[in-house]
């Protein structure tokens, strides 16, 4: 008798634990709330805050991973600008310095490098996704491969 009850408790616990994880599509750069104010320059934001801030007018999503990484999946509407590319500085020079830049990479390391480079090249309003696209996906964020 005790084994079936124990199994039922384990099953109920597993269902509850699974129900606490982020549902698919829970963060989005195309739907949901928009931040009322721009984040502080150089901020590292969690997925929900990043999604909200990225929806603000004049904000450009900037994926700083390699083109091969970008092709495997990226945030909707993102432009790819490989921070490790020899052309990075030249391409940053073509960006509109009046816009805001929501920067992300795979884990958050390259986005920090990119934000420093953006500031040195005249882009004064940029923030990044803490934990990168991995954190985004863990939070149920939408990924496209267009």
Protein backbone atom coordinates (compact mmCIF):
# COMPACT_ATOMS: atom_id res chain seq x y z
CA UNK A 1 0.00 0.00 0.00
CA UNK A 2 2.78 2.43 0.86
CA UNK A 3 4.53 2.14 -2.51
CA UNK A 4 1.54 3.40 -4.58
CA UNK A 5 1.07 6.33 -2.19
CA UNK A 6 4.77 7.18 -2.38
CA UNK A 7 4.64 6.99 -6.19
CA UNK A 8 1.61 9.30 -6.22
CA UNK A 9 3.43 11.82 -4.02
CA UNK A 10 6.51 11.70 -6.28
CA UNK A 11 4.35 12.20 -9.39
CA UNK A 12 2.50 15.15 -7.82
CA UNK A 13 5.82 16.71 -6.78
CA UNK A 14 7.23 16.30 -10.30
CA UNK A 15 4.14 17.92 -11.83
CA UNK A 16 4.32 20.85 -9.43
CA UNK A 17 8.04 21.35 -9.98
CA UNK A 18 7.60 21.30 -13.75
CA UNK A 19 4.75 23.75 -13.52
CA UNK A 20 7.06 26.27 -11.84
CA UNK A 21 9.43 26.50 -14.77
CA UNK A 22 9.07 29.29 -17.31
CA UNK A 23 6.48 28.49 -19.97
CA UNK A 24 7.48 28.64 -23.62
CA UNK A 25 7.17 32.14 -24.99
CA UNK A 26 7.05 33.74 -21.55
CA UNK A 27 9.50 36.48 -22.63
CA UNK A 28 9.26 38.15 -26.00
CA UNK A 29 10.67 41.11 -27.87
CA UNK A 30 7.48 41.30 -29.92
CA UNK A 31 4.71 40.91 -27.32
CA UNK A 32 4.12 41.87 -23.72
CA UNK A 33 4.91 45.01 -21.75
CA UNK A 34 7.25 47.76 -22.88
CA UNK A 35 9.56 49.42 -20.35
CA UNK A 36 8.41 52.87 -19.31
CA UNK A 37 11.99 54.15 -19.12
CA UNK A 38 15.26 53.25 -20.79
CA UNK A 39 17.59 51.13 -18.65
CA UNK A 40 20.75 52.70 -17.29
CA UNK A 41 23.58 52.76 -19.80
CA UNK A 42 25.67 49.62 -19.55
CA UNK A 43 23.03 47.70 -17.58
CA UNK A 44 22.89 43.91 -17.63
CA UNK A 45 19.24 42.87 -17.58
CA UNK A 46 17.52 39.55 -16.97
CA UNK A 47 15.37 38.13 -19.78
CA UNK A 48 12.06 39.74 -18.76
CA UNK A 49 13.59 43.19 -18.23
CA UNK A 50 15.62 42.86 -21.43
CA UNK A 51 12.49 41.95 -23.41
CA UNK A 52 10.60 44.90 -21.98
CA UNK A 53 13.43 47.39 -22.61
CA UNK A 54 14.08 46.04 -26.14
CA UNK A 55 10.52 46.99 -27.14
CA UNK A 56 11.14 50.69 -26.52
CA UNK A 57 11.07 52.95 -29.58
CA UNK A 58 14.41 53.46 -31.31
CA UNK A 59 15.91 50.28 -29.85
CA UNK A 60 17.92 47.95 -32.07
CA UNK A 61 18.46 44.30 -31.10
CA UNK A 62 22.10 43.49 -31.68
CA UNK A 63 23.33 39.87 -31.69
CA UNK A 64 27.12 39.96 -31.40
CA UNK A 65 27.72 36.23 -31.96
CA UNK A 66 29.24 34.73 -35.09
CA UNK A 67 27.08 34.41 -38.24
CA UNK A 68 27.06 30.62 -37.75
CA UNK A 69 25.72 31.00 -34.20
CA UNK A 70 23.17 33.57 -35.40
CA UNK A 71 21.93 31.12 -38.07
CA UNK A 72 21.18 28.48 -35.42
CA UNK A 73 18.65 30.80 -33.77
CA UNK A 74 18.32 34.41 -32.67
CA UNK A 75 15.82 36.84 -31.19
CA UNK A 76 13.17 38.07 -33.65
CA UNK A 77 14.25 41.25 -35.43
CA UNK A 78 17.89 41.05 -34.30
CA UNK A 79 20.71 42.19 -36.52
CA UNK A 80 23.96 40.23 -36.47
CA UNK A 81 27.20 42.09 -35.88
CA UNK A 82 30.01 39.70 -34.89
CA UNK A 83 32.07 41.37 -32.16
CA UNK A 84 35.06 39.16 -33.07
CA UNK A 85 34.96 40.19 -36.73
CA UNK A 86 37.71 42.40 -38.18
CA UNK A 87 34.94 44.63 -39.59
CA UNK A 88 33.20 45.17 -36.24
CA UNK A 89 34.49 48.72 -35.67
CA UNK A 90 33.68 49.74 -39.25
CA UNK A 91 30.15 48.35 -39.00
CA UNK A 92 29.57 50.00 -35.60
CA UNK A 93 30.57 53.28 -37.26
CA UNK A 94 27.55 52.85 -39.55
CA UNK A 95 25.10 52.49 -36.63
CA UNK A 96 22.87 55.39 -35.62
CA UNK A 97 24.29 56.80 -32.37
CA UNK A 98 20.87 58.26 -31.48
CA UNK A 99 19.34 54.79 -31.11
CA UNK A 100 19.38 52.44 -28.12
CA UNK A 101 21.10 49.07 -28.51
CA UNK A 102 19.93 45.88 -26.80
CA UNK A 103 23.00 43.63 -27.05
CA UNK A 104 23.24 39.89 -26.51
CA UNK A 105 25.53 36.94 -27.20
CA UNK A 106 25.62 33.29 -26.14
CA UNK A 107 26.41 33.66 -22.44
CA UNK A 108 26.91 37.36 -21.74
CA UNK A 109 30.69 37.64 -22.11
CA UNK A 110 30.95 38.92 -25.69
CA UNK A 111 28.06 41.34 -25.13
CA UNK A 112 30.13 43.03 -22.40
CA UNK A 113 33.07 43.33 -24.81
CA UNK A 114 30.73 44.67 -27.49
CA UNK A 115 29.17 47.26 -25.18
CA UNK A 116 32.63 48.59 -24.27
CA UNK A 117 33.52 48.80 -27.95
CA UNK A 118 30.20 50.48 -28.79
CA UNK A 119 30.84 53.16 -26.16
CA UNK A 120 34.40 53.73 -27.42
CA UNK A 121 33.02 54.11 -30.96
CA UNK A 122 30.37 56.69 -30.04
CA UNK A 123 27.29 54.62 -29.14
CA UNK A 124 26.20 55.95 -25.76
CA UNK A 125 23.00 54.00 -25.08
CA UNK A 126 23.41 50.23 -24.82
CA UNK A 127 22.39 47.48 -22.40
CA UNK A 128 22.86 43.72 -22.52
CA UNK A 129 21.14 40.45 -21.74
CA UNK A 130 22.60 38.91 -18.61
CA UNK A 131 23.37 35.25 -19.30
CA UNK A 132 22.96 35.72 -23.05
CA UNK A 133 20.68 33.76 -25.32
CA UNK A 134 21.07 30.74 -23.04
CA UNK A 135 19.29 32.62 -20.24
CA UNK A 136 16.72 33.85 -22.77
CA UNK A 137 15.91 30.31 -23.85
CA UNK A 138 15.77 29.07 -20.26
CA UNK A 139 13.16 31.76 -19.58
CA UNK A 140 11.08 30.51 -22.53
CA UNK A 141 12.14 33.29 -24.89
CA UNK A 142 11.23 33.13 -28.55
CA UNK A 143 13.99 32.16 -30.99
CA UNK A 144 13.76 32.33 -34.79
CA UNK A 145 15.99 31.00 -37.59
CA UNK A 146 14.89 33.16 -40.53
